[in-house]
């Protein structure tokens, strides 16, 4: 299966990745760098002309919210603190999920491809994966009954 999955769009963690793991399905996510937002090349709210975010309304709409940009900025700071390129770390985070088989890369240049392919040589220990994951909120439970989470039933 081929879900969108990256640090900013983690909804696949709720049902898709657990199901794929249980059924032993191959998972090849797309968008591991969130269209480039997780590469550290964008300043908050100011995409470069000629970039995906400067030209493509789909990416602008998908990642228009301020929390995504703030999380991407925090992620880039962490990557540089760790001595890693943000694109490399973003792909390594996606591929470190146990249900992920491989990943689709969307590099536009050879240099971008090199940065993302470097993730193959980067193994994330569980504590680092957790530290990166903590930069964004965990996705909500997959239910249409959100009111049931807020109401406790009386005990007989």
C-alpha atoms as a PDB file:
ATOM      1  CA  UNK A   1       0.000   0.000   0.000  1.00  0.00           C
ATOM      2  CA  UNK A   2       1.088   3.560  -0.567  1.00  0.00           C
ATOM      3  CA  UNK A   3      -0.072   6.047   2.086  1.00  0.00           C
ATOM      4  CA  UNK A   4       1.188   9.577   2.607  1.00  0.00           C
ATOM      5  CA  UNK A   5       3.381   9.442   5.695  1.00  0.00           C
ATOM      6  CA  UNK A   6       5.776  11.943   7.195  1.00  0.00           C
ATOM      7  CA  UNK A   7       6.415  13.678  10.496  1.00  0.00           C
ATOM      8  CA  UNK A   8       3.785  16.325   9.702  1.00  0.00           C
ATOM      9  CA  UNK A   9       1.139  13.921   8.386  1.00  0.00           C
ATOM     10  CA  UNK A  10       1.093  10.899  10.674  1.00  0.00           C
ATOM     11  CA  UNK A  11      -2.507   9.718  10.256  1.00  0.00           C
ATOM     12  CA  UNK A  12      -1.290   6.438   8.701  1.00  0.00           C
ATOM     13  CA  UNK A  13      -0.073   5.452  12.193  1.00  0.00           C
ATOM     14  CA  UNK A  14      -3.648   5.110  13.405  1.00  0.00           C
ATOM     15  CA  UNK A  15      -4.994   2.320  11.204  1.00  0.00           C
ATOM     16  CA  UNK A  16      -3.026   1.842   7.983  1.00  0.00           C
ATOM     17  CA  UNK A  17       0.396   0.987   9.414  1.00  0.00           C
ATOM     18  CA  UNK A  18      -0.919  -1.308  12.184  1.00  0.00           C
ATOM     19  CA  UNK A  19      -3.142  -3.113   9.665  1.00  0.00           C
ATOM     20  CA  UNK A  20      -0.288  -3.488   7.198  1.00  0.00           C
ATOM     21  CA  UNK A  21       1.956  -4.863   9.922  1.00  0.00           C
ATOM     22  CA  UNK A  22      -0.683  -7.343  11.066  1.00  0.00           C
ATOM     23  CA  UNK A  23      -1.427  -8.510   7.525  1.00  0.00           C
ATOM     24  CA  UNK A  24       2.228  -8.400   6.450  1.00  0.00           C
ATOM     25  CA  UNK A  25       1.509  -5.994   3.610  1.00  0.00           C
ATOM     26  CA  UNK A  26       4.277  -3.980   1.998  1.00  0.00           C
ATOM     27  CA  UNK A  27       4.067  -0.268   2.811  1.00  0.00           C
ATOM     28  CA  UNK A  28       5.789   2.247   0.542  1.00  0.00           C
ATOM     29  CA  UNK A  29       4.835   5.732   1.770  1.00  0.00           C
ATOM     30  CA  UNK A  30       5.115   8.850  -0.334  1.00  0.00           C
ATOM     31  CA  UNK A  31       5.918  12.366   0.824  1.00  0.00           C
ATOM     32  CA  UNK A  32       8.564  11.589   3.471  1.00  0.00           C
ATOM     33  CA  UNK A  33       9.893  15.159   3.370  1.00  0.00           C
ATOM     34  CA  UNK A  34       6.413  16.740   3.291  1.00  0.00           C
ATOM     35  CA  UNK A  35       6.974  18.126  -0.177  1.00  0.00           C
ATOM     36  CA  UNK A  36      10.305  19.553   0.938  1.00  0.00           C
ATOM     37  CA  UNK A  37       9.024  21.316   4.052  1.00  0.00           C
ATOM     38  CA  UNK A  38      11.064  18.942   6.245  1.00  0.00           C
ATOM     39  CA  UNK A  39      14.306  19.675   4.369  1.00  0.00           C
ATOM     40  CA  UNK A  40      15.092  22.864   6.282  1.00  0.00           C
ATOM     41  CA  UNK A  41      15.191  25.014   3.166  1.00  0.00           C
ATOM     42  CA  UNK A  42      12.089  27.075   3.904  1.00  0.00           C
ATOM     43  CA  UNK A  43      11.737  29.902   6.396  1.00  0.00           C
ATOM     44  CA  UNK A  44       8.429  29.889   8.269  1.00  0.00           C
ATOM     45  CA  UNK A  45       5.704  31.042   5.911  1.00  0.00           C
ATOM     46  CA  UNK A  46       7.988  32.152   3.073  1.00  0.00           C
ATOM     47  CA  UNK A  47       8.415  29.532   0.348  1.00  0.00           C
ATOM     48  CA  UNK A  48      11.026  30.232  -2.317  1.00  0.00           C
ATOM     49  CA  UNK A  49       9.911  31.150  -5.817  1.00  0.00           C
ATOM     50  CA  UNK A  50      10.171  28.143  -8.119  1.00  0.00           C
ATOM     51  CA  UNK A  51       9.817  25.673  -5.225  1.00  0.00           C
ATOM     52  CA  UNK A  52       6.901  23.326  -4.670  1.00  0.00           C
ATOM     53  CA  UNK A  53       5.549  25.583  -1.967  1.00  0.00           C
ATOM     54  CA  UNK A  54       6.036  28.702  -4.020  1.00  0.00           C
ATOM     55  CA  UNK A  55       4.251  27.339  -7.082  1.00  0.00           C
ATOM     56  CA  UNK A  56       2.025  24.365  -6.212  1.00  0.00           C
ATOM     57  CA  UNK A  57      -1.314  25.175  -4.588  1.00  0.00           C
ATOM     58  CA  UNK A  58      -1.755  21.538  -3.469  1.00  0.00           C
ATOM     59  CA  UNK A  59       1.334  21.754  -1.240  1.00  0.00           C
ATOM     60  CA  UNK A  60       0.360  25.225  -0.087  1.00  0.00           C
ATOM     61  CA  UNK A  61      -3.057  23.938   1.002  1.00  0.00           C
ATOM     62  CA  UNK A  62      -1.781  20.661   2.492  1.00  0.00           C
ATOM     63  CA  UNK A  63       0.793  22.316   4.755  1.00  0.00           C
ATOM     64  CA  UNK A  64      -0.701  25.799   5.142  1.00  0.00           C
ATOM     65  CA  UNK A  65      -1.148  25.604   8.905  1.00  0.00           C
ATOM     66  CA  UNK A  66       1.322  27.371  11.178  1.00  0.00           C
ATOM     67  CA  UNK A  67       1.909  24.290  13.397  1.00  0.00           C
ATOM     68  CA  UNK A  68       3.291  22.385  10.384  1.00  0.00           C
ATOM     69  CA  UNK A  69       5.752  25.165   9.603  1.00  0.00           C
ATOM     70  CA  UNK A  70       6.754  25.517  13.253  1.00  0.00           C
ATOM     71  CA  UNK A  71       7.273  21.753  13.571  1.00  0.00           C
ATOM     72  CA  UNK A  72       9.317  21.712  10.357  1.00  0.00           C
ATOM     73  CA  UNK A  73      11.526  24.474  11.730  1.00  0.00           C
ATOM     74  CA  UNK A  74      12.010  22.620  15.037  1.00  0.00           C
ATOM     75  CA  UNK A  75      12.775  19.430  13.103  1.00  0.00           C
ATOM     76  CA  UNK A  76      15.432  21.178  10.992  1.00  0.00           C
ATOM     77  CA  UNK A  77      17.073  22.593  14.145  1.00  0.00           C
ATOM     78  CA  UNK A  78      17.154  19.103  15.671  1.00  0.00           C
ATOM     79  CA  UNK A  79      18.617  17.588  12.505  1.00  0.00           C
ATOM     80  CA  UNK A  80      21.437  20.136  12.418  1.00  0.00           C
ATOM     81  CA  UNK A  81      22.010  19.653  16.168  1.00  0.00           C
ATOM     82  CA  UNK A  82      22.468  15.940  15.426  1.00  0.00           C
ATOM     83  CA  UNK A  83      24.812  16.701  12.540  1.00  0.00           C
ATOM     84  CA  UNK A  84      22.380  15.384   9.927  1.00  0.00           C
ATOM     85  CA  UNK A  85      20.739  16.888   6.881  1.00  0.00           C
ATOM     86  CA  UNK A  86      17.018  17.355   7.553  1.00  0.00           C
ATOM     87  CA  UNK A  87      16.000  15.481   4.378  1.00  0.00           C
ATOM     88  CA  UNK A  88      18.102  12.496   5.428  1.00  0.00           C
ATOM     89  CA  UNK A  89      16.619  12.467   8.907  1.00  0.00           C
ATOM     90  CA  UNK A  90      13.051  12.885   7.593  1.00  0.00           C
ATOM     91  CA  UNK A  91      13.372   9.828   5.352  1.00  0.00           C
ATOM     92  CA  UNK A  92      15.120   7.835   8.088  1.00  0.00           C
ATOM     93  CA  UNK A  93      12.255   8.648  10.491  1.00  0.00           C
ATOM     94  CA  UNK A  94       9.676   7.332   7.999  1.00  0.00           C
ATOM     95  CA  UNK A  95      11.630   4.172   7.206  1.00  0.00           C
ATOM     96  CA  UNK A  96      12.267   3.481  10.882  1.00  0.00           C
ATOM     97  CA  UNK A  97       8.609   2.632  11.414  1.00  0.00           C
ATOM     98  CA  UNK A  98       8.453  -1.177  11.637  1.00  0.00           C
ATOM     99  CA  UNK A  99       5.595  -1.450   9.134  1.00  0.00           C
ATOM    100  CA  UNK A 100       7.346   0.584   6.434  1.00  0.00           C
ATOM    101  CA  UNK A 101       8.957  -1.522   3.720  1.00  0.00           C
ATOM    102  CA  UNK A 102      10.477   1.200   1.569  1.00  0.00           C
ATOM    103  CA  UNK A 103       9.754   4.832   0.661  1.00  0.00           C
ATOM    104  CA  UNK A 104       9.033   6.865  -2.454  1.00  0.00           C
ATOM    105  CA  UNK A 105      11.389   9.795  -2.850  1.00  0.00           C
ATOM    106  CA  UNK A 106      10.444  12.952  -4.696  1.00  0.00           C
ATOM    107  CA  UNK A 107      13.834  14.540  -5.300  1.00  0.00           C
ATOM    108  CA  UNK A 108      14.007  17.190  -7.993  1.00  0.00           C
ATOM    109  CA  UNK A 109      17.819  17.339  -8.210  1.00  0.00           C
ATOM    110  CA  UNK A 110      20.731  14.926  -7.866  1.00  0.00           C
ATOM    111  CA  UNK A 111      21.804  16.683  -4.653  1.00  0.00           C
ATOM    112  CA  UNK A 112      18.332  16.187  -3.151  1.00  0.00           C
ATOM    113  CA  UNK A 113      18.421  12.537  -4.151  1.00  0.00           C
ATOM    114  CA  UNK A 114      21.807  12.101  -2.474  1.00  0.00           C
ATOM    115  CA  UNK A 115      20.472  13.623   0.759  1.00  0.00           C
ATOM    116  CA  UNK A 116      17.429  11.363   0.855  1.00  0.00           C
ATOM    117  CA  UNK A 117      19.315   8.217  -0.175  1.00  0.00           C
ATOM    118  CA  UNK A 118      21.718   8.801   2.729  1.00  0.00           C
ATOM    119  CA  UNK A 119      18.848   7.707   4.991  1.00  0.00           C
ATOM    120  CA  UNK A 120      19.579   4.097   3.979  1.00  0.00           C
ATOM    121  CA  UNK A 121      22.754   4.307   6.064  1.00  0.00           C
ATOM    122  CA  UNK A 122      21.108   5.933   9.068  1.00  0.00           C
ATOM    123  CA  UNK A 123      19.525   3.712  11.700  1.00  0.00           C
ATOM    124  CA  UNK A 124      17.363   5.533  14.225  1.00  0.00           C
ATOM    125  CA  UNK A 125      17.432   4.100  17.740  1.00  0.00           C
ATOM    126  CA  UNK A 126      14.011   4.051  19.447  1.00  0.00           C
ATOM    127  CA  UNK A 127      14.874   6.970  21.735  1.00  0.00           C
ATOM    128  CA  UNK A 128      15.783   9.197  18.779  1.00  0.00           C
ATOM    129  CA  UNK A 129      12.662   8.167  16.872  1.00  0.00           C
ATOM    130  CA  UNK A 130      10.613   9.087  19.964  1.00  0.00           C
ATOM    131  CA  UNK A 131      12.415  12.422  20.286  1.00  0.00           C
ATOM    132  CA  UNK A 132      11.638  13.262  16.659  1.00  0.00           C
ATOM    133  CA  UNK A 133       8.049  12.035  16.971  1.00  0.00           C
ATOM    134  CA  UNK A 134       7.531  14.327  19.961  1.00  0.00           C
ATOM    135  CA  UNK A 135       7.943  17.335  17.654  1.00  0.00           C
ATOM    136  CA  UNK A 136       4.421  16.783  16.311  1.00  0.00           C
ATOM    137  CA  UNK A 137       1.217  15.638  17.974  1.00  0.00           C
ATOM    138  CA  UNK A 138       0.253  12.000  17.685  1.00  0.00           C
ATOM    139  CA  UNK A 139      -2.708  11.587  15.335  1.00  0.00           C
ATOM    140  CA  UNK A 140      -6.144  11.274  16.914  1.00  0.00           C
ATOM    141  CA  UNK A 141      -7.834   7.916  17.271  1.00  0.00           C
ATOM    142  CA  UNK A 142      -9.700   6.670  14.231  1.00  0.00           C
ATOM    143  CA  UNK A 143     -13.279   6.927  15.365  1.00  0.00           C
ATOM    144  CA  UNK A 144     -16.410   8.796  14.523  1.00  0.00           C
ATOM    145  CA  UNK A 145     -17.431   8.579  18.160  1.00  0.00           C
ATOM    146  CA  UNK A 146     -15.236  11.235  19.720  1.00  0.00           C
ATOM    147  CA  UNK A 147     -17.925  11.947  22.300  1.00  0.00           C
ATOM    148  CA  UNK A 148     -17.314   8.499  23.801  1.00  0.00           C
ATOM    149  CA  UNK A 149     -13.764   9.461  24.726  1.00  0.00           C
ATOM    150  CA  UNK A 150     -15.044  12.370  26.790  1.00  0.00           C
ATOM    151  CA  UNK A 151     -17.896  10.665  28.625  1.00  0.00           C
ATOM    152  CA  UNK A 152     -17.333   8.074  31.304  1.00  0.00           C
ATOM    153  CA  UNK A 153     -20.067   5.552  31.855  1.00  0.00           C
ATOM    154  CA  UNK A 154     -21.558   5.272  35.322  1.00  0.00           C
ATOM    155  CA  UNK A 155     -20.369   2.288  37.314  1.00  0.00           C
ATOM    156  CA  UNK A 156     -23.215   0.019  38.452  1.00  0.00           C
END
